[in-house]
Amino acid sequence: MANGPIQTALCWSDLDESNSQRQTHHPPKLERQRSMPLGDIIRESQIWKSIFRHPMPLDRRNRIVVMLTNFFLHLHPVSIKKQGIALSYTWCMGGVTFFLFLVETVTGVLLMFYYRPTLEWAYNDILSLRDVTSLGILRELHRWGAHAMVITVWLHMYRVFLTGSYKPPREFNWVIGVILLLLTLLLSFTGYLLPWDQLAIWAITVGSNMARATPILGHEGPGHALLSFGGIDMITNASDARFGLLGARFVGEETLNRFYVLHCVAIPLAAATLMAIHFWRVRKDGGISGPL
């Protein structure tokens, strides 16, 4: 009984010592984080790991895993032949064309804020975009980017033809490329009318008149009489390919509105979809084909 208070005091002193050690002792993980650089701390955080599920692609295994699990990178092959990406072989025309498409998309969206597709405002808005808005730089970027994109698409197709990259198993992707070429030309054609000046109006008039001679679907083309039922012609100047393109019998406000929608919405969406398929097929067909 006499030792009771002494034992109690010792117990309390042990408890205080234990608490002080607990306060000064840090978990190993916390100690390690304090000694880590800021970049490593960020990469070890739960937020980072929830977005990037795999470590840095420093070895072949991690490179493969990152390529296969990334939304953007999975469209590309894990590995390709070194000669297949040589600038002297590919000319980089496919990549340049895609870059110009992105430039056209960004500048086109910005131009839509300042352009109104009506007979009253279309020409005046173009004058403003040429001289006032963004000092004319925005419209010129869009205009010259469109010219450059047509050139790079042709050069890309020319390179693919010269190197035989259209041969099996890449025939399907060649067809996709031809359709993308046609869509690029249609983008230029529909955008040509939007300034709504005399040059644009008469150029579209001449260009659309050729649609009258479309086989079967043009009212002046061969075979249009085949689409006659009970003596009624299904293909006339009010229902043929030219009318479908212009939205009217002559170039007018209906045509301007139709070309604006095609140029800003329909054709770009179709082109973007086919580009994704095009890139995906490049990967599935074994990457960029090697030299002949």
C-alpha atoms as a PDB file:
ATOM      1  CA  MET A   1       0.000   0.000   0.000  1.00  0.00           C
ATOM      2  CA  ALA A   2       2.871   2.350   0.658  1.00  0.00           C
ATOM      3  CA  ASN A   3       4.130   1.907  -2.911  1.00  0.00           C
ATOM      4  CA  GLY A   4       0.764   2.861  -4.450  1.00  0.00           C
ATOM      5  CA  PRO A   5       1.331   6.629  -4.927  1.00  0.00           C
ATOM      6  CA  ILE A   6       4.865   6.047  -6.254  1.00  0.00           C
ATOM      7  CA  GLN A   7       3.632   3.483  -8.828  1.00  0.00           C
ATOM      8  CA  THR A   8       0.814   5.822  -9.892  1.00  0.00           C
ATOM      9  CA  ALA A   9       3.289   8.662 -10.404  1.00  0.00           C
ATOM     10  CA  LEU A  10       5.499   6.422 -12.481  1.00  0.00           C
ATOM     11  CA  CYS A  11       2.542   5.374 -14.628  1.00  0.00           C
ATOM     12  CA  TRP A  12       1.618   8.998 -15.295  1.00  0.00           C
ATOM     13  CA  SER A  13       5.207   9.857 -16.151  1.00  0.00           C
ATOM     14  CA  ASP A  14       5.323   6.930 -18.610  1.00  0.00           C
ATOM     15  CA  LEU A  15       2.090   8.131 -20.187  1.00  0.00           C
ATOM     16  CA  ASP A  16       3.451  11.662 -20.606  1.00  0.00           C
ATOM     17  CA  GLU A  17       6.643  10.328 -22.143  1.00  0.00           C
ATOM     18  CA  SER A  18       4.650   8.168 -24.528  1.00  0.00           C
ATOM     19  CA  ASN A  19       2.494  11.145 -25.598  1.00  0.00           C
ATOM     20  CA  SER A  20       5.550  13.311 -26.190  1.00  0.00           C
ATOM     21  CA  GLN A  21       7.119  10.583 -28.337  1.00  0.00           C
ATOM     22  CA  ARG A  22       3.871  10.207 -30.247  1.00  0.00           C
ATOM     23  CA  GLN A  23       3.752  13.941 -30.932  1.00  0.00           C
ATOM     24  CA  THR A  24       7.329  14.095 -32.178  1.00  0.00           C
ATOM     25  CA  HIS A  25       7.179  10.839 -34.136  1.00  0.00           C
ATOM     26  CA  HIS A  26       5.937  11.176 -37.772  1.00  0.00           C
ATOM     27  CA  PRO A  27       4.663   8.334 -39.937  1.00  0.00           C
ATOM     28  CA  PRO A  28       7.182   7.051 -42.493  1.00  0.00           C
ATOM     29  CA  LYS A  29       4.967   8.150 -45.424  1.00  0.00           C
ATOM     30  CA  LEU A  30       4.760  11.726 -44.126  1.00  0.00           C
ATOM     31  CA  GLU A  31       8.517  11.833 -43.570  1.00  0.00           C
ATOM     32  CA  ARG A  32       9.075  10.565 -47.102  1.00  0.00           C
ATOM     33  CA  GLN A  33       6.696  13.151 -48.575  1.00  0.00           C
ATOM     34  CA  ARG A  34       8.479  15.977 -46.772  1.00  0.00           C
ATOM     35  CA  SER A  35      11.769  14.963 -48.356  1.00  0.00           C
ATOM     36  CA  MET A  36      10.238  14.564 -51.847  1.00  0.00           C
ATOM     37  CA  PRO A  37      10.333  17.287 -54.532  1.00  0.00           C
ATOM     38  CA  LEU A  38       7.085  19.096 -55.258  1.00  0.00           C
ATOM     39  CA  GLY A  39       6.663  17.331 -58.594  1.00  0.00           C
ATOM     40  CA  ASP A  40       6.874  13.904 -56.988  1.00  0.00           C
ATOM     41  CA  ILE A  41       4.408  14.932 -54.279  1.00  0.00           C
ATOM     42  CA  ILE A  42       1.905  15.958 -56.963  1.00  0.00           C
ATOM     43  CA  ARG A  43       2.386  12.692 -58.873  1.00  0.00           C
ATOM     44  CA  GLU A  44       1.900  10.684 -55.677  1.00  0.00           C
ATOM     45  CA  SER A  45      -1.348  12.462 -54.799  1.00  0.00           C
ATOM     46  CA  GLN A  46      -4.705  10.746 -55.129  1.00  0.00           C
ATOM     47  CA  ILE A  47      -5.981  13.414 -57.523  1.00  0.00           C
ATOM     48  CA  TRP A  48      -3.116  12.793 -59.939  1.00  0.00           C
ATOM     49  CA  LYS A  49      -3.503   8.998 -59.748  1.00  0.00           C
ATOM     50  CA  SER A  50      -7.251   9.253 -60.367  1.00  0.00           C
ATOM     51  CA  ILE A  51      -6.546  11.013 -63.670  1.00  0.00           C
ATOM     52  CA  PHE A  52      -3.308   9.292 -64.746  1.00  0.00           C
ATOM     53  CA  ARG A  53      -3.629   5.656 -63.823  1.00  0.00           C
ATOM     54  CA  HIS A  54      -0.116   4.613 -64.780  1.00  0.00           C
ATOM     55  CA  PRO A  55       3.393   5.894 -64.008  1.00  0.00           C
ATOM     56  CA  MET A  56       5.555   7.850 -66.411  1.00  0.00           C
ATOM     57  CA  PRO A  57       6.231   5.917 -69.633  1.00  0.00           C
ATOM     58  CA  LEU A  58       9.934   5.467 -68.975  1.00  0.00           C
ATOM     59  CA  ASP A  59      10.123   1.831 -70.039  1.00  0.00           C
ATOM     60  CA  ARG A  60       8.513  -0.175 -72.831  1.00  0.00           C
ATOM     61  CA  ARG A  61       5.861  -1.785 -70.639  1.00  0.00           C
ATOM     62  CA  ASN A  62       4.609   1.521 -69.259  1.00  0.00           C
ATOM     63  CA  ARG A  63       4.717   3.090 -72.709  1.00  0.00           C
ATOM     64  CA  ILE A  64       2.474   0.342 -74.046  1.00  0.00           C
ATOM     65  CA  VAL A  65       0.071   0.594 -71.105  1.00  0.00           C
ATOM     66  CA  VAL A  66      -0.153   4.397 -71.375  1.00  0.00           C
ATOM     67  CA  MET A  67      -0.802   4.247 -75.122  1.00  0.00           C
ATOM     68  CA  LEU A  68      -3.527   1.626 -74.783  1.00  0.00           C
ATOM     69  CA  THR A  69      -5.377   3.279 -71.886  1.00  0.00           C
ATOM     70  CA  ASN A  70      -5.195   6.954 -72.902  1.00  0.00           C
ATOM     71  CA  PHE A  71      -8.244   8.339 -74.716  1.00  0.00           C
ATOM     72  CA  PHE A  72      -6.200  10.456 -77.137  1.00  0.00           C
ATOM     73  CA  LEU A  73      -3.104   8.284 -77.525  1.00  0.00           C
ATOM     74  CA  HIS A  74      -4.895   4.986 -78.132  1.00  0.00           C
ATOM     75  CA  LEU A  75      -5.648   6.107 -81.700  1.00  0.00           C
ATOM     76  CA  HIS A  76      -1.937   5.839 -82.466  1.00  0.00           C
ATOM     77  CA  PRO A  77       0.201   2.691 -82.722  1.00  0.00           C
ATOM     78  CA  VAL A  78       2.387   1.698 -79.793  1.00  0.00           C
ATOM     79  CA  SER A  79       5.439   1.380 -82.016  1.00  0.00           C
ATOM     80  CA  ILE A  80       6.172   2.115 -85.647  1.00  0.00           C
ATOM     81  CA  LYS A  81       9.098   1.729 -87.988  1.00  0.00           C
ATOM     82  CA  LYS A  82      11.637   4.511 -87.692  1.00  0.00           C
ATOM     83  CA  GLN A  83      11.760   4.956 -91.458  1.00  0.00           C
ATOM     84  CA  GLY A  84       7.980   5.323 -91.491  1.00  0.00           C
ATOM     85  CA  ILE A  85       8.132   8.683 -89.723  1.00  0.00           C
ATOM     86  CA  ALA A  86      11.130  10.081 -91.574  1.00  0.00           C
ATOM     87  CA  LEU A  87      10.313  13.569 -92.824  1.00  0.00           C
ATOM     88  CA  SER A  88      11.882  12.792 -96.174  1.00  0.00           C
ATOM     89  CA  TYR A  89       9.404   9.915 -96.559  1.00  0.00           C
ATOM     90  CA  THR A  90       6.105  11.161 -95.095  1.00  0.00           C
ATOM     91  CA  TRP A  91       6.601  14.908 -95.821  1.00  0.00           C
ATOM     92  CA  CYS A  92       4.481  15.303 -92.631  1.00  0.00           C
ATOM     93  CA  MET A  93       1.610  16.400 -94.863  1.00  0.00           C
ATOM     94  CA  GLY A  94      -0.989  14.424 -92.914  1.00  0.00           C
ATOM     95  CA  GLY A  95       0.043  16.036 -89.628  1.00  0.00           C
ATOM     96  CA  VAL A  96       0.208  19.509 -91.173  1.00  0.00           C
ATOM     97  CA  THR A  97      -3.268  19.042 -92.650  1.00  0.00           C
ATOM     98  CA  PHE A  98      -4.694  18.053 -89.275  1.00  0.00           C
ATOM     99  CA  PHE A  99      -2.984  21.043 -87.643  1.00  0.00           C
ATOM    100  CA  LEU A 100      -4.504  23.371 -90.244  1.00  0.00           C
ATOM    101  CA  PHE A 101      -7.920  21.810 -89.608  1.00  0.00           C
ATOM    102  CA  LEU A 102      -7.550  22.717 -85.934  1.00  0.00           C
ATOM    103  CA  VAL A 103      -6.523  26.264 -86.896  1.00  0.00           C
ATOM    104  CA  GLU A 104      -9.570  26.546 -89.151  1.00  0.00           C
ATOM    105  CA  THR A 105     -11.832  25.253 -86.387  1.00  0.00           C
ATOM    106  CA  VAL A 106     -10.585  27.718 -83.778  1.00  0.00           C
ATOM    107  CA  THR A 107     -10.541  30.745 -86.071  1.00  0.00           C
ATOM    108  CA  GLY A 108     -13.883  29.746 -87.587  1.00  0.00           C
ATOM    109  CA  VAL A 109     -15.585  29.609 -84.189  1.00  0.00           C
ATOM    110  CA  LEU A 110     -14.183  33.049 -83.347  1.00  0.00           C
ATOM    111  CA  LEU A 111     -15.359  34.448 -86.684  1.00  0.00           C
ATOM    112  CA  MET A 112     -18.883  33.185 -85.991  1.00  0.00           C
ATOM    113  CA  PHE A 113     -19.149  35.725 -83.174  1.00  0.00           C
ATOM    114  CA  TYR A 114     -18.809  38.580 -85.660  1.00  0.00           C
ATOM    115  CA  TYR A 115     -20.570  37.268 -88.784  1.00  0.00           C
ATOM    116  CA  ARG A 116     -24.306  37.263 -89.529  1.00  0.00           C
ATOM    117  CA  PRO A 117     -25.436  35.147 -92.532  1.00  0.00           C
ATOM    118  CA  THR A 118     -28.101  37.521 -93.869  1.00  0.00           C
ATOM    119  CA  LEU A 119     -28.310  39.600 -97.039  1.00  0.00           C
ATOM    120  CA  GLU A 120     -28.366  42.763 -94.944  1.00  0.00           C
ATOM    121  CA  TRP A 121     -25.269  42.124 -92.831  1.00  0.00           C
ATOM    122  CA  ALA A 122     -23.062  39.476 -94.476  1.00  0.00           C
ATOM    123  CA  TYR A 123     -21.010  41.786 -96.718  1.00  0.00           C
ATOM    124  CA  ASN A 124     -20.707  44.544 -94.101  1.00  0.00           C
ATOM    125  CA  ASP A 125     -19.578  42.044 -91.474  1.00  0.00           C
ATOM    126  CA  ILE A 126     -16.881  40.788 -93.832  1.00  0.00           C
ATOM    127  CA  LEU A 127     -15.678  44.359 -94.376  1.00  0.00           C
ATOM    128  CA  SER A 128     -15.545  44.816 -90.615  1.00  0.00           C
ATOM    129  CA  LEU A 129     -13.621  41.569 -90.175  1.00  0.00           C
ATOM    130  CA  ARG A 130     -11.212  42.666 -92.880  1.00  0.00           C
ATOM    131  CA  ASP A 131     -10.459  46.150 -91.539  1.00  0.00           C
ATOM    132  CA  VAL A 132     -11.653  46.533 -87.937  1.00  0.00           C
ATOM    133  CA  THR A 133     -12.224  43.340 -85.967  1.00  0.00           C
ATOM    134  CA  SER A 134      -8.908  41.887 -84.752  1.00  0.00           C
ATOM    135  CA  LEU A 135      -7.200  44.195 -87.283  1.00  0.00           C
ATOM    136  CA  GLY A 136      -8.203  41.753 -90.004  1.00  0.00           C
ATOM    137  CA  ILE A 137      -5.744  39.129 -88.755  1.00  0.00           C
ATOM    138  CA  LEU A 138      -8.414  36.614 -87.690  1.00  0.00           C
ATOM    139  CA  ARG A 139     -10.080  36.457 -91.092  1.00  0.00           C
ATOM    140  CA  GLU A 140      -6.761  36.288 -92.918  1.00  0.00           C
ATOM    141  CA  LEU A 141      -5.632  33.392 -90.734  1.00  0.00           C
ATOM    142  CA  HIS A 142      -8.812  31.543 -91.600  1.00  0.00           C
ATOM    143  CA  ARG A 143      -8.601  32.417 -95.282  1.00  0.00           C
ATOM    144  CA  TRP A 144      -4.964  31.504 -95.858  1.00  0.00           C
ATOM    145  CA  GLY A 145      -5.261  28.464 -93.600  1.00  0.00           C
ATOM    146  CA  ALA A 146      -8.025  27.176 -95.879  1.00  0.00           C
ATOM    147  CA  HIS A 147      -5.838  27.633 -98.969  1.00  0.00           C
ATOM    148  CA  ALA A 148      -2.938  25.874 -97.258  1.00  0.00           C
ATOM    149  CA  MET A 149      -5.152  22.999 -96.115  1.00  0.00           C
ATOM    150  CA  VAL A 150      -6.284  22.281 -99.683  1.00  0.00           C
ATOM    151  CA  ILE A 151      -2.642  22.211-100.821  1.00  0.00           C
ATOM    152  CA  THR A 152      -1.466  19.934 -97.988  1.00  0.00           C
ATOM    153  CA  VAL A 153      -4.345  17.495 -98.536  1.00  0.00           C
ATOM    154  CA  TRP A 154      -3.385  17.142-102.201  1.00  0.00           C
ATOM    155  CA  LEU A 155       0.292  16.703-101.303  1.00  0.00           C
ATOM    156  CA  HIS A 156      -0.637  14.081 -98.698  1.00  0.00           C
ATOM    157  CA  MET A 157      -2.677  12.129-101.236  1.00  0.00           C
ATOM    158  CA  TYR A 158       0.150  12.459-103.762  1.00  0.00           C
ATOM    159  CA  ARG A 159       2.676  11.087-101.253  1.00  0.00           C
ATOM    160  CA  VAL A 160       0.414   8.174-100.335  1.00  0.00           C
ATOM    161  CA  PHE A 161       0.020   7.335-104.035  1.00  0.00           C
ATOM    162  CA  LEU A 162       3.749   7.542-104.769  1.00  0.00           C
ATOM    163  CA  THR A 163       4.666   5.264-101.848  1.00  0.00           C
ATOM    164  CA  GLY A 164       1.924   2.746-102.578  1.00  0.00           C
ATOM    165  CA  SER A 165       0.329   3.254 -99.175  1.00  0.00           C
ATOM    166  CA  TYR A 166      -3.112   2.694-100.682  1.00  0.00           C
ATOM    167  CA  LYS A 167      -2.430  -0.998-101.301  1.00  0.00           C
ATOM    168  CA  PRO A 168      -3.729  -3.863 -99.110  1.00  0.00           C
ATOM    169  CA  PRO A 169      -4.462  -3.797 -96.239  1.00  0.00           C
ATOM    170  CA  ARG A 170      -4.942  -0.031 -96.488  1.00  0.00           C
ATOM    171  CA  GLU A 171      -7.549   0.217 -99.274  1.00  0.00           C
ATOM    172  CA  PHE A 172     -10.332   1.187 -96.883  1.00  0.00           C
ATOM    173  CA  ASN A 173      -8.271   3.985 -95.369  1.00  0.00           C
ATOM    174  CA  TRP A 174      -7.460   5.241 -98.860  1.00  0.00           C
ATOM    175  CA  VAL A 175     -11.202   5.550 -99.534  1.00  0.00           C
ATOM    176  CA  ILE A 176     -11.614   7.459 -96.254  1.00  0.00           C
ATOM    177  CA  GLY A 177      -8.817   9.771 -97.377  1.00  0.00           C
ATOM    178  CA  VAL A 178     -10.499  10.417-100.725  1.00  0.00           C
ATOM    179  CA  ILE A 179     -13.744  11.324 -98.949  1.00  0.00           C
ATOM    180  CA  LEU A 180     -11.804  13.686 -96.657  1.00  0.00           C
ATOM    181  CA  LEU A 181     -10.318  15.311 -99.751  1.00  0.00           C
ATOM    182  CA  LEU A 182     -13.803  15.895-101.153  1.00  0.00           C
ATOM    183  CA  LEU A 183     -14.993  17.305 -97.826  1.00  0.00           C
ATOM    184  CA  THR A 184     -12.025  19.678 -97.784  1.00  0.00           C
ATOM    185  CA  LEU A 185     -12.963  20.942-101.243  1.00  0.00           C
ATOM    186  CA  LEU A 186     -16.589  21.319-100.136  1.00  0.00           C
ATOM    187  CA  LEU A 187     -15.456  23.349 -97.124  1.00  0.00           C
ATOM    188  CA  SER A 188     -13.668  25.731 -99.467  1.00  0.00           C
ATOM    189  CA  PHE A 189     -16.624  25.846-101.849  1.00  0.00           C
ATOM    190  CA  THR A 190     -19.210  26.603 -99.166  1.00  0.00           C
ATOM    191  CA  GLY A 191     -16.956  29.133 -97.459  1.00  0.00           C
ATOM    192  CA  TYR A 192     -16.400  30.981-100.735  1.00  0.00           C
ATOM    193  CA  LEU A 193     -19.966  32.325-100.722  1.00  0.00           C
ATOM    194  CA  LEU A 194     -19.956  33.728 -97.188  1.00  0.00           C
ATOM    195  CA  PRO A 195     -18.315  37.111 -98.058  1.00  0.00           C
ATOM    196  CA  TRP A 196     -21.402  37.713-100.237  1.00  0.00           C
ATOM    197  CA  ASP A 197     -19.658  39.923-102.781  1.00  0.00           C
ATOM    198  CA  GLN A 198     -19.997  39.811-106.563  1.00  0.00           C
ATOM    199  CA  LEU A 199     -17.083  37.424-106.958  1.00  0.00           C
ATOM    200  CA  ALA A 200     -18.574  34.976-104.454  1.00  0.00           C
ATOM    201  CA  ILE A 201     -22.112  35.131-105.842  1.00  0.00           C
ATOM    202  CA  TRP A 202     -21.131  34.539-109.458  1.00  0.00           C
ATOM    203  CA  ALA A 203     -18.510  31.924-108.608  1.00  0.00           C
ATOM    204  CA  ILE A 204     -21.103  29.875-106.740  1.00  0.00           C
ATOM    205  CA  THR A 205     -23.579  30.420-109.568  1.00  0.00           C
ATOM    206  CA  VAL A 206     -21.147  29.011-112.114  1.00  0.00           C
ATOM    207  CA  GLY A 207     -20.040  26.200-109.821  1.00  0.00           C
ATOM    208  CA  SER A 208     -23.556  25.138-108.879  1.00  0.00           C
ATOM    209  CA  ASN A 209     -24.669  25.146-112.519  1.00  0.00           C
ATOM    210  CA  MET A 210     -22.421  22.152-113.070  1.00  0.00           C
ATOM    211  CA  ALA A 211     -24.639  20.223-110.663  1.00  0.00           C
ATOM    212  CA  ARG A 212     -27.432  20.422-113.242  1.00  0.00           C
ATOM    213  CA  ALA A 213     -25.463  17.962-115.372  1.00  0.00           C
ATOM    214  CA  THR A 214     -25.087  15.398-112.578  1.00  0.00           C
ATOM    215  CA  PRO A 215     -25.934  11.922-113.921  1.00  0.00           C
ATOM    216  CA  ILE A 216     -29.457  10.869-112.922  1.00  0.00           C
ATOM    217  CA  LEU A 217     -29.743  13.539-110.178  1.00  0.00           C
ATOM    218  CA  GLY A 218     -29.336  16.599-112.438  1.00  0.00           C
ATOM    219  CA  HIS A 219     -32.279  17.695-114.567  1.00  0.00           C
ATOM    220  CA  GLU A 220     -29.888  18.268-117.507  1.00  0.00           C
ATOM    221  CA  GLY A 221     -27.735  15.227-116.805  1.00  0.00           C
ATOM    222  CA  PRO A 222     -27.810  11.825-118.474  1.00  0.00           C
ATOM    223  CA  GLY A 223     -30.260   9.328-117.054  1.00  0.00           C
ATOM    224  CA  HIS A 224     -32.578  11.801-115.332  1.00  0.00           C
ATOM    225  CA  ALA A 225     -35.483  10.480-117.393  1.00  0.00           C
ATOM    226  CA  LEU A 226     -35.101   7.132-115.641  1.00  0.00           C
ATOM    227  CA  LEU A 227     -36.664   8.696-112.551  1.00  0.00           C
ATOM    228  CA  SER A 228     -40.046   9.263-114.151  1.00  0.00           C
ATOM    229  CA  PHE A 229     -43.175   7.559-112.880  1.00  0.00           C
ATOM    230  CA  GLY A 230     -46.556   7.776-114.571  1.00  0.00           C
ATOM    231  CA  GLY A 231     -45.330  10.507-116.879  1.00  0.00           C
ATOM    232  CA  ILE A 232     -44.217  12.668-113.943  1.00  0.00           C
ATOM    233  CA  ASP A 233     -40.567  13.686-113.837  1.00  0.00           C
ATOM    234  CA  MET A 234     -39.110  13.303-110.370  1.00  0.00           C
ATOM    235  CA  ILE A 235     -35.979  15.274-111.324  1.00  0.00           C
ATOM    236  CA  THR A 236     -36.705  18.878-112.317  1.00  0.00           C
ATOM    237  CA  ASN A 237     -35.018  22.221-111.812  1.00  0.00           C
ATOM    238  CA  ALA A 238     -36.889  22.432-108.496  1.00  0.00           C
ATOM    239  CA  SER A 239     -35.786  19.021-107.187  1.00  0.00           C
ATOM    240  CA  ASP A 240     -32.429  18.153-108.713  1.00  0.00           C
ATOM    241  CA  ALA A 241     -28.928  18.189-107.245  1.00  0.00           C
ATOM    242  CA  ARG A 242     -28.453  21.909-107.924  1.00  0.00           C
ATOM    243  CA  PHE A 243     -31.656  22.798-106.099  1.00  0.00           C
ATOM    244  CA  GLY A 244     -30.634  20.625-103.166  1.00  0.00           C
ATOM    245  CA  LEU A 245     -27.283  22.403-103.013  1.00  0.00           C
ATOM    246  CA  LEU A 246     -28.637  25.959-103.274  1.00  0.00           C
ATOM    247  CA  GLY A 247     -31.936  25.520-101.463  1.00  0.00           C
ATOM    248  CA  ALA A 248     -33.541  27.536-104.250  1.00  0.00           C
ATOM    249  CA  ARG A 249     -33.453  27.913-108.029  1.00  0.00           C
ATOM    250  CA  PHE A 250     -31.014  30.814-107.838  1.00  0.00           C
ATOM    251  CA  VAL A 251     -28.301  31.956-105.446  1.00  0.00           C
ATOM    252  CA  GLY A 252     -30.018  33.963-102.717  1.00  0.00           C
ATOM    253  CA  GLU A 253     -30.538  34.193 -98.987  1.00  0.00           C
ATOM    254  CA  GLU A 254     -31.589  30.540 -98.773  1.00  0.00           C
ATOM    255  CA  THR A 255     -28.285  29.578-100.379  1.00  0.00           C
ATOM    256  CA  LEU A 256     -26.303  31.807 -98.017  1.00  0.00           C
ATOM    257  CA  ASN A 257     -27.983  30.281 -94.982  1.00  0.00           C
ATOM    258  CA  ARG A 258     -27.547  26.726 -96.296  1.00  0.00           C
ATOM    259  CA  PHE A 259     -23.881  27.223 -97.108  1.00  0.00           C
ATOM    260  CA  TYR A 260     -23.298  28.775 -93.685  1.00  0.00           C
ATOM    261  CA  VAL A 261     -24.747  25.733 -91.900  1.00  0.00           C
ATOM    262  CA  LEU A 262     -22.858  23.318 -94.136  1.00  0.00           C
ATOM    263  CA  HIS A 263     -19.598  25.220 -93.747  1.00  0.00           C
ATOM    264  CA  CYS A 264     -19.777  25.732 -89.977  1.00  0.00           C
ATOM    265  CA  VAL A 265     -21.537  22.608 -88.718  1.00  0.00           C
ATOM    266  CA  ALA A 266     -22.310  19.715 -91.049  1.00  0.00           C
ATOM    267  CA  ILE A 267     -19.108  19.332 -93.056  1.00  0.00           C
ATOM    268  CA  PRO A 268     -16.688  19.956 -90.129  1.00  0.00           C
ATOM    269  CA  LEU A 269     -18.483  17.340 -88.016  1.00  0.00           C
ATOM    270  CA  ALA A 270     -18.339  14.818 -90.847  1.00  0.00           C
ATOM    271  CA  ALA A 271     -14.662  15.596 -91.446  1.00  0.00           C
ATOM    272  CA  ALA A 272     -13.776  15.283 -87.747  1.00  0.00           C
ATOM    273  CA  THR A 273     -15.524  11.901 -87.535  1.00  0.00           C
ATOM    274  CA  LEU A 274     -13.754  10.564 -90.613  1.00  0.00           C
ATOM    275  CA  MET A 275     -10.405  11.880 -89.340  1.00  0.00           C
ATOM    276  CA  ALA A 276     -10.834   9.873 -86.154  1.00  0.00           C
ATOM    277  CA  ILE A 277     -11.590   6.769 -88.224  1.00  0.00           C
ATOM    278  CA  HIS A 278      -8.636   7.581 -90.479  1.00  0.00           C
ATOM    279  CA  PHE A 279      -6.192   7.784 -87.565  1.00  0.00           C
ATOM    280  CA  TRP A 280      -7.636   4.640 -86.000  1.00  0.00           C
ATOM    281  CA  ARG A 281      -7.244   2.695 -89.248  1.00  0.00           C
ATOM    282  CA  VAL A 282      -3.629   3.815 -89.562  1.00  0.00           C
ATOM    283  CA  ARG A 283      -3.012   2.087 -86.242  1.00  0.00           C
ATOM    284  CA  LYS A 284      -5.041  -1.026 -87.066  1.00  0.00           C
ATOM    285  CA  ASP A 285      -3.321  -1.398 -90.432  1.00  0.00           C
ATOM    286  CA  GLY A 286       0.091  -1.552 -88.794  1.00  0.00           C
ATOM    287  CA  GLY A 287       1.054   2.101 -88.703  1.00  0.00           C
ATOM    288  CA  ILE A 288       2.454   4.212 -91.497  1.00  0.00           C
ATOM    289  CA  SER A 289       3.476   1.977 -94.371  1.00  0.00           C
ATOM    290  CA  GLY A 290       7.162   1.640 -95.110  1.00  0.00           C
ATOM    291  CA  PRO A 291       8.896   2.652 -98.339  1.00  0.00           C
ATOM    292  CA  LEU A 292       8.367   0.503-101.390  1.00  0.00           C
END
